[in-house]
Amino acid sequence: MTNTPYHVRIAPAAQRQILALSSKNQKTIIKLIEALAINPRPPGVNKIDGMTGLYSEDINHQRLIYKVEEQEVLLLLIK
């Protein structure tokens, strides 16, 4: 496993949502999660107003909602 600046944790609900996706969409989400471990605030990511550290990113009709705290990214939801 590579050493990345951020540790990514996946909430149980988000994990269930990932498993419910097609294998193609799962691979896309996994690549995005790996990228978030390097840079959780990439260009194009949306900060959720009124919520400290909450971000959303849309990819292939899927929205990832995650929280960044110190050196950790917590993936909360995929819808």
PDB file of N, CA and C in Angstrom:
ATOM      1  N   MET A   1       0.843  -1.179   0.000  1.00  0.00           N
ATOM      2  CA  MET A   1       0.000   0.000   0.000  1.00  0.00           C
ATOM      3  C   MET A   1       0.887   1.241   0.000  1.00  0.00           C
ATOM      4  N   THR A   2       0.499   2.225  -0.798  1.00  0.00           N
ATOM      5  CA  THR A   2       1.303   3.433  -0.890  1.00  0.00           C
ATOM      6  C   THR A   2       1.035   4.335   0.298  1.00  0.00           C
ATOM      7  N   ASN A   3       2.025   5.145   0.597  1.00  0.00           N
ATOM      8  CA  ASN A   3       1.898   6.088   1.697  1.00  0.00           C
ATOM      9  C   ASN A   3       1.316   7.379   1.140  1.00  0.00           C
ATOM     10  N   THR A   4       0.121   7.733   1.542  1.00  0.00           N
ATOM     11  CA  THR A   4      -0.548   8.926   1.050  1.00  0.00           C
ATOM     12  C   THR A   4      -0.711   9.927   2.178  1.00  0.00           C
ATOM     13  N   PRO A   5      -0.840  11.215   1.830  1.00  0.00           N
ATOM     14  CA  PRO A   5      -0.979  12.238   2.872  1.00  0.00           C
ATOM     15  C   PRO A   5      -2.231  12.098   3.724  1.00  0.00           C
ATOM     16  N   TYR A   6      -3.308  11.555   3.152  1.00  0.00           N
ATOM     17  CA  TYR A   6      -4.573  11.442   3.872  1.00  0.00           C
ATOM     18  C   TYR A   6      -4.990   9.980   3.989  1.00  0.00           C
ATOM     19  N   HIS A   7      -5.546   9.642   5.129  1.00  0.00           N
ATOM     20  CA  HIS A   7      -6.113   8.312   5.350  1.00  0.00           C
ATOM     21  C   HIS A   7      -7.596   8.407   5.020  1.00  0.00           C
ATOM     22  N   VAL A   8      -8.090   7.490   4.190  1.00  0.00           N
ATOM     23  CA  VAL A   8      -9.499   7.508   3.809  1.00  0.00           C
ATOM     24  C   VAL A   8     -10.238   6.414   4.571  1.00  0.00           C
ATOM     25  N   ARG A   9     -11.310   6.806   5.254  1.00  0.00           N
ATOM     26  CA  ARG A   9     -12.207   5.847   5.898  1.00  0.00           C
ATOM     27  C   ARG A   9     -13.536   5.908   5.160  1.00  0.00           C
ATOM     28  N   ILE A  10     -14.193   4.777   5.047  1.00  0.00           N
ATOM     29  CA  ILE A  10     -15.475   4.721   4.366  1.00  0.00           C
ATOM     30  C   ILE A  10     -16.537   4.329   5.379  1.00  0.00           C
ATOM     31  N   ALA A  11     -17.529   5.195   5.544  1.00  0.00           N
ATOM     32  CA  ALA A  11     -18.628   4.915   6.473  1.00  0.00           C
ATOM     33  C   ALA A  11     -19.379   3.671   6.005  1.00  0.00           C
ATOM     34  N   PRO A  12     -19.950   2.905   6.939  1.00  0.00           N
ATOM     35  CA  PRO A  12     -20.671   1.678   6.562  1.00  0.00           C
ATOM     36  C   PRO A  12     -21.753   1.901   5.503  1.00  0.00           C
ATOM     37  N   ALA A  13     -22.508   3.003   5.602  1.00  0.00           N
ATOM     38  CA  ALA A  13     -23.554   3.268   4.605  1.00  0.00           C
ATOM     39  C   ALA A  13     -22.941   3.481   3.222  1.00  0.00           C
ATOM     40  N   ALA A  14     -21.834   4.208   3.164  1.00  0.00           N
ATOM     41  CA  ALA A  14     -21.175   4.450   1.884  1.00  0.00           C
ATOM     42  C   ALA A  14     -20.615   3.147   1.317  1.00  0.00           C
ATOM     43  N   GLN A  15     -20.094   2.289   2.183  1.00  0.00           N
ATOM     44  CA  GLN A  15     -19.570   1.004   1.724  1.00  0.00           C
ATOM     45  C   GLN A  15     -20.687   0.157   1.102  1.00  0.00           C
ATOM     46  N   ARG A  16     -21.845   0.149   1.728  1.00  0.00           N
ATOM     47  CA  ARG A  16     -22.983  -0.588   1.165  1.00  0.00           C
ATOM     48  C   ARG A  16     -23.387   0.000  -0.183  1.00  0.00           C
ATOM     49  N   GLN A  17     -23.344   1.326  -0.284  1.00  0.00           N
ATOM     50  CA  GLN A  17     -23.711   1.980  -1.535  1.00  0.00           C
ATOM     51  C   GLN A  17     -22.705   1.657  -2.647  1.00  0.00           C
ATOM     52  N   ILE A  18     -21.427   1.583  -2.317  1.00  0.00           N
ATOM     53  CA  ILE A  18     -20.407   1.209  -3.298  1.00  0.00           C
ATOM     54  C   ILE A  18     -20.650  -0.212  -3.786  1.00  0.00           C
ATOM     55  N   LEU A  19     -20.935  -1.126  -2.856  1.00  0.00           N
ATOM     56  CA  LEU A  19     -21.151  -2.525  -3.226  1.00  0.00           C
ATOM     57  C   LEU A  19     -22.396  -2.698  -4.099  1.00  0.00           C
ATOM     58  N   ALA A  20     -23.344  -1.783  -4.002  1.00  0.00           N
ATOM     59  CA  ALA A  20     -24.567  -1.874  -4.806  1.00  0.00           C
ATOM     60  C   ALA A  20     -24.373  -1.370  -6.236  1.00  0.00           C
ATOM     61  N   LEU A  21     -23.234  -0.720  -6.505  1.00  0.00           N
ATOM     62  CA  LEU A  21     -22.961  -0.189  -7.842  1.00  0.00           C
ATOM     63  C   LEU A  21     -22.500  -1.291  -8.789  1.00  0.00           C
ATOM     64  N   SER A  22     -22.577  -1.008 -10.082  1.00  0.00           N
ATOM     65  CA  SER A  22     -22.017  -1.935 -11.075  1.00  0.00           C
ATOM     66  C   SER A  22     -20.497  -1.971 -10.891  1.00  0.00           C
ATOM     67  N   SER A  23     -19.861  -3.024 -11.370  1.00  0.00           N
ATOM     68  CA  SER A  23     -18.410  -3.140 -11.192  1.00  0.00           C
ATOM     69  C   SER A  23     -17.677  -1.990 -11.882  1.00  0.00           C
ATOM     70  N   LYS A  24     -18.192  -1.529 -13.017  1.00  0.00           N
ATOM     71  CA  LYS A  24     -17.568  -0.396 -13.714  1.00  0.00           C
ATOM     72  C   LYS A  24     -17.626   0.858 -12.847  1.00  0.00           C
ATOM     73  N   ASN A  25     -18.794   1.140 -12.269  1.00  0.00           N
ATOM     74  CA  ASN A  25     -18.926   2.310 -11.401  1.00  0.00           C
ATOM     75  C   ASN A  25     -18.128   2.155 -10.110  1.00  0.00           C
ATOM     76  N   GLN A  26     -18.027   0.929  -9.588  1.00  0.00           N
ATOM     77  CA  GLN A  26     -17.196   0.687  -8.403  1.00  0.00           C
ATOM     78  C   GLN A  26     -15.748   1.062  -8.687  1.00  0.00           C
ATOM     79  N   LYS A  27     -15.234   0.645  -9.843  1.00  0.00           N
ATOM     80  CA  LYS A  27     -13.839   0.958 -10.201  1.00  0.00           C
ATOM     81  C   LYS A  27     -13.629   2.463 -10.301  1.00  0.00           C
ATOM     82  N   THR A  28     -14.606   3.167 -10.878  1.00  0.00           N
ATOM     83  CA  THR A  28     -14.509   4.622 -10.993  1.00  0.00           C
ATOM     84  C   THR A  28     -14.475   5.270  -9.614  1.00  0.00           C
ATOM     85  N   ILE A  29     -15.354   4.826  -8.716  1.00  0.00           N
ATOM     86  CA  ILE A  29     -15.404   5.375  -7.361  1.00  0.00           C
ATOM     87  C   ILE A  29     -14.108   5.069  -6.611  1.00  0.00           C
ATOM     88  N   ILE A  30     -13.577   3.880  -6.763  1.00  0.00           N
ATOM     89  CA  ILE A  30     -12.330   3.507  -6.081  1.00  0.00           C
ATOM     90  C   ILE A  30     -11.184   4.390  -6.559  1.00  0.00           C
ATOM     91  N   LYS A  31     -11.108   4.659  -7.861  1.00  0.00           N
ATOM     92  CA  LYS A  31     -10.060   5.551  -8.374  1.00  0.00           C
ATOM     93  C   LYS A  31     -10.204   6.942  -7.772  1.00  0.00           C
ATOM     94  N   LEU A  32     -11.443   7.409  -7.655  1.00  0.00           N
ATOM     95  CA  LEU A  32     -11.675   8.722  -7.063  1.00  0.00           C
ATOM     96  C   LEU A  32     -11.269   8.731  -5.586  1.00  0.00           C
ATOM     97  N   ILE A  33     -11.595   7.674  -4.867  1.00  0.00           N
ATOM     98  CA  ILE A  33     -11.211   7.578  -3.451  1.00  0.00           C
ATOM     99  C   ILE A  33      -9.689   7.591  -3.318  1.00  0.00           C
ATOM    100  N   GLU A  34      -8.996   6.862  -4.193  1.00  0.00           N
ATOM    101  CA  GLU A  34      -7.531   6.861  -4.167  1.00  0.00           C
ATOM    102  C   GLU A  34      -6.983   8.259  -4.426  1.00  0.00           C
ATOM    103  N   ALA A  35      -7.616   9.002  -5.332  1.00  0.00           N
ATOM    104  CA  ALA A  35      -7.186  10.373  -5.617  1.00  0.00           C
ATOM    105  C   ALA A  35      -7.435  11.288  -4.420  1.00  0.00           C
ATOM    106  N   LEU A  36      -8.540  11.069  -3.702  1.00  0.00           N
ATOM    107  CA  LEU A  36      -8.834  11.882  -2.516  1.00  0.00           C
ATOM    108  C   LEU A  36      -7.799  11.673  -1.415  1.00  0.00           C
ATOM    109  N   ALA A  37      -7.193  10.503  -1.368  1.00  0.00           N
ATOM    110  CA  ALA A  37      -6.155  10.231  -0.369  1.00  0.00           C
ATOM    111  C   ALA A  37      -4.922  11.098  -0.617  1.00  0.00           C
ATOM    112  N   ILE A  38      -4.759  11.530  -1.857  1.00  0.00           N
ATOM    113  CA  ILE A  38      -3.627  12.388  -2.205  1.00  0.00           C
ATOM    114  C   ILE A  38      -4.015  13.858  -2.092  1.00  0.00           C
ATOM    115  N   ASN A  39      -5.188  14.203  -2.618  1.00  0.00           N
ATOM    116  CA  ASN A  39      -5.665  15.587  -2.580  1.00  0.00           C
ATOM    117  C   ASN A  39      -7.179  15.594  -2.378  1.00  0.00           C
ATOM    118  N   PRO A  40      -7.652  15.796  -1.150  1.00  0.00           N
ATOM    119  CA  PRO A  40      -9.095  15.760  -0.896  1.00  0.00           C
ATOM    120  C   PRO A  40      -9.838  17.011  -1.345  1.00  0.00           C
ATOM    121  N   ARG A  41      -9.104  18.014  -1.805  1.00  0.00           N
ATOM    122  CA  ARG A  41      -9.750  19.244  -2.268  1.00  0.00           C
ATOM    123  C   ARG A  41      -9.291  19.573  -3.693  1.00  0.00           C
ATOM    124  N   PRO A  42      -9.564  18.672  -4.659  1.00  0.00           N
ATOM    125  CA  PRO A  42      -9.112  18.919  -6.032  1.00  0.00           C
ATOM    126  C   PRO A  42      -9.942  20.016  -6.705  1.00  0.00           C
ATOM    127  N   PRO A  43      -9.430  20.568  -7.809  1.00  0.00           N
ATOM    128  CA  PRO A  43     -10.227  21.550  -8.550  1.00  0.00           C
ATOM    129  C   PRO A  43     -11.573  20.937  -8.946  1.00  0.00           C
ATOM    130  N   GLY A  44     -12.626  21.718  -8.827  1.00  0.00           N
ATOM    131  CA  GLY A  44     -13.952  21.236  -9.207  1.00  0.00           C
ATOM    132  C   GLY A  44     -14.757  20.640  -8.071  1.00  0.00           C
ATOM    133  N   VAL A  45     -14.125  20.382  -6.936  1.00  0.00           N
ATOM    134  CA  VAL A  45     -14.865  19.849  -5.795  1.00  0.00           C
ATOM    135  C   VAL A  45     -15.696  20.975  -5.185  1.00  0.00           C
ATOM    136  N   ASN A  46     -16.873  20.639  -4.679  1.00  0.00           N
ATOM    137  CA  ASN A  46     -17.772  21.637  -4.101  1.00  0.00           C
ATOM    138  C   ASN A  46     -17.759  21.563  -2.585  1.00  0.00           C
ATOM    139  N   LYS A  47     -17.481  22.706  -1.949  1.00  0.00           N
ATOM    140  CA  LYS A  47     -17.578  22.772  -0.498  1.00  0.00           C
ATOM    141  C   LYS A  47     -19.054  22.954  -0.167  1.00  0.00           C
ATOM    142  N   ILE A  48     -19.548  22.189   0.783  1.00  0.00           N
ATOM    143  CA  ILE A  48     -20.955  22.285   1.182  1.00  0.00           C
ATOM    144  C   ILE A  48     -21.088  23.444   2.167  1.00  0.00           C
ATOM    145  N   ASP A  49     -21.850  24.455   1.758  1.00  0.00           N
ATOM    146  CA  ASP A  49     -22.011  25.664   2.573  1.00  0.00           C
ATOM    147  C   ASP A  49     -22.633  25.345   3.926  1.00  0.00           C
ATOM    148  N   GLY A  50     -22.115  25.996   4.949  1.00  0.00           N
ATOM    149  CA  GLY A  50     -22.672  25.867   6.281  1.00  0.00           C
ATOM    150  C   GLY A  50     -22.212  24.626   7.037  1.00  0.00           C
ATOM    151  N   MET A  51     -21.390  23.798   6.398  1.00  0.00           N
ATOM    152  CA  MET A  51     -20.918  22.566   7.042  1.00  0.00           C
ATOM    153  C   MET A  51     -19.390  22.562   7.003  1.00  0.00           C
ATOM    154  N   THR A  52     -18.761  22.620   8.132  1.00  0.00           N
ATOM    155  CA  THR A  52     -17.317  22.671   8.207  1.00  0.00           C
ATOM    156  C   THR A  52     -16.686  21.383   7.695  1.00  0.00           C
ATOM    157  N   GLY A  53     -15.820  21.524   6.708  1.00  0.00           N
ATOM    158  CA  GLY A  53     -15.056  20.391   6.206  1.00  0.00           C
ATOM    159  C   GLY A  53     -15.813  19.421   5.323  1.00  0.00           C
ATOM    160  N   LEU A  54     -17.073  19.729   4.956  1.00  0.00           N
ATOM    161  CA  LEU A  54     -17.849  18.823   4.106  1.00  0.00           C
ATOM    162  C   LEU A  54     -17.727  19.232   2.640  1.00  0.00           C
ATOM    163  N   TYR A  55     -17.516  18.226   1.793  1.00  0.00           N
ATOM    164  CA  TYR A  55     -17.345  18.448   0.366  1.00  0.00           C
ATOM    165  C   TYR A  55     -18.188  17.449  -0.411  1.00  0.00           C
ATOM    166  N   SER A  56     -18.505  17.811  -1.665  1.00  0.00           N
ATOM    167  CA  SER A  56     -19.173  16.863  -2.539  1.00  0.00           C
ATOM    168  C   SER A  56     -18.494  16.912  -3.898  1.00  0.00           C
ATOM    169  N   GLU A  57     -18.473  15.771  -4.542  1.00  0.00           N
ATOM    170  CA  GLU A  57     -17.890  15.675  -5.868  1.00  0.00           C
ATOM    171  C   GLU A  57     -18.773  14.769  -6.708  1.00  0.00           C
ATOM    172  N   ASP A  58     -19.088  15.225  -7.905  1.00  0.00           N
ATOM    173  CA  ASP A  58     -19.931  14.458  -8.820  1.00  0.00           C
ATOM    174  C   ASP A  58     -19.066  13.782  -9.871  1.00  0.00           C
ATOM    175  N   ILE A  59     -19.367  12.517 -10.121  1.00  0.00           N
ATOM    176  CA  ILE A  59     -18.663  11.773 -11.155  1.00  0.00           C
ATOM    177  C   ILE A  59     -19.605  10.695 -11.689  1.00  0.00           C
ATOM    178  N   ASN A  60     -19.779  10.659 -12.992  1.00  0.00           N
ATOM    179  CA  ASN A  60     -20.636   9.652 -13.645  1.00  0.00           C
ATOM    180  C   ASN A  60     -21.998   9.505 -12.971  1.00  0.00           C
ATOM    181  N   HIS A  61     -22.689  10.597 -12.764  1.00  0.00           N
ATOM    182  CA  HIS A  61     -24.027  10.589 -12.159  1.00  0.00           C
ATOM    183  C   HIS A  61     -24.032  10.074 -10.719  1.00  0.00           C
ATOM    184  N   GLN A  62     -22.879  10.062 -10.087  1.00  0.00           N
ATOM    185  CA  GLN A  62     -22.781   9.672  -8.676  1.00  0.00           C
ATOM    186  C   GLN A  62     -22.249  10.881  -7.910  1.00  0.00           C
ATOM    187  N   ARG A  63     -22.764  11.104  -6.732  1.00  0.00           N
ATOM    188  CA  ARG A  63     -22.258  12.188  -5.892  1.00  0.00           C
ATOM    189  C   ARG A  63     -21.636  11.589  -4.641  1.00  0.00           C
ATOM    190  N   LEU A  64     -20.380  11.935  -4.417  1.00  0.00           N
ATOM    191  CA  LEU A  64     -19.690  11.530  -3.198  1.00  0.00           C
ATOM    192  C   LEU A  64     -19.746  12.689  -2.227  1.00  0.00           C
ATOM    193  N   ILE A  65     -20.112  12.403  -1.002  1.00  0.00           N
ATOM    194  CA  ILE A  65     -20.101  13.411   0.050  1.00  0.00           C
ATOM    195  C   ILE A  65     -19.110  12.933   1.103  1.00  0.00           C
ATOM    196  N   TYR A  66     -18.159  13.808   1.420  1.00  0.00           N
ATOM    197  CA  TYR A  66     -17.118  13.395   2.363  1.00  0.00           C
ATOM    198  C   TYR A  66     -16.687  14.558   3.233  1.00  0.00           C
ATOM    199  N   LYS A  67     -16.049  14.209   4.336  1.00  0.00           N
ATOM    200  CA  LYS A  67     -15.592  15.183   5.321  1.00  0.00           C
ATOM    201  C   LYS A  67     -14.076  15.072   5.442  1.00  0.00           C
ATOM    202  N   VAL A  68     -13.411  16.218   5.469  1.00  0.00           N
ATOM    203  CA  VAL A  68     -11.958  16.253   5.624  1.00  0.00           C
ATOM    204  C   VAL A  68     -11.644  16.819   6.998  1.00  0.00           C
ATOM    205  N   GLU A  69     -10.896  16.044   7.784  1.00  0.00           N
ATOM    206  CA  GLU A  69     -10.451  16.487   9.106  1.00  0.00           C
ATOM    207  C   GLU A  69      -8.984  16.126   9.258  1.00  0.00           C
ATOM    208  N   GLU A  70      -8.163  17.127   9.509  1.00  0.00           N
ATOM    209  CA  GLU A  70      -6.732  16.932   9.668  1.00  0.00           C
ATOM    210  C   GLU A  70      -6.186  16.073   8.530  1.00  0.00           C
ATOM    211  N   GLN A  71      -5.721  14.877   8.798  1.00  0.00           N
ATOM    212  CA  GLN A  71      -5.138  14.019   7.758  1.00  0.00           C
ATOM    213  C   GLN A  71      -6.065  12.858   7.413  1.00  0.00           C
ATOM    214  N   GLU A  72      -7.350  13.055   7.588  1.00  0.00           N
ATOM    215  CA  GLU A  72      -8.303  11.980   7.342  1.00  0.00           C
ATOM    216  C   GLU A  72      -9.455  12.462   6.464  1.00  0.00           C
ATOM    217  N   VAL A  73      -9.857  11.591   5.558  1.00  0.00           N
ATOM    218  CA  VAL A  73     -11.035  11.827   4.720  1.00  0.00           C
ATOM    219  C   VAL A  73     -12.042  10.751   5.082  1.00  0.00           C
ATOM    220  N   LEU A  74     -13.256  11.145   5.436  1.00  0.00           N
ATOM    221  CA  LEU A  74     -14.316  10.189   5.756  1.00  0.00           C
ATOM    222  C   LEU A  74     -15.381  10.271   4.669  1.00  0.00           C
ATOM    223  N   LEU A  75     -15.480   9.205   3.874  1.00  0.00           N
ATOM    224  CA  LEU A  75     -16.494   9.131   2.834  1.00  0.00           C
ATOM    225  C   LEU A  75     -17.808   8.774   3.500  1.00  0.00           C
ATOM    226  N   LEU A  76     -18.778   9.690   3.412  1.00  0.00           N
ATOM    227  CA  LEU A  76     -20.032   9.512   4.137  1.00  0.00           C
ATOM    228  C   LEU A  76     -21.140   8.901   3.292  1.00  0.00           C
ATOM    229  N   LEU A  77     -21.244   9.302   2.036  1.00  0.00           N
ATOM    230  CA  LEU A  77     -22.423   8.960   1.268  1.00  0.00           C
ATOM    231  C   LEU A  77     -22.126   8.970  -0.220  1.00  0.00           C
ATOM    232  N   ILE A  78     -22.768   8.062  -0.933  1.00  0.00           N
ATOM    233  CA  ILE A  78     -22.737   8.059  -2.393  1.00  0.00           C
ATOM    234  C   ILE A  78     -24.186   7.973  -2.825  1.00  0.00           C
ATOM    235  N   LYS A  79     -24.599   8.924  -3.646  1.00  0.00           N
ATOM    236  CA  LYS A  79     -25.985   8.866  -4.106  1.00  0.00           C
ATOM    237  C   LYS A  79     -26.068   9.201  -5.575  1.00  0.00           C
TER     238      LYS A  79
END
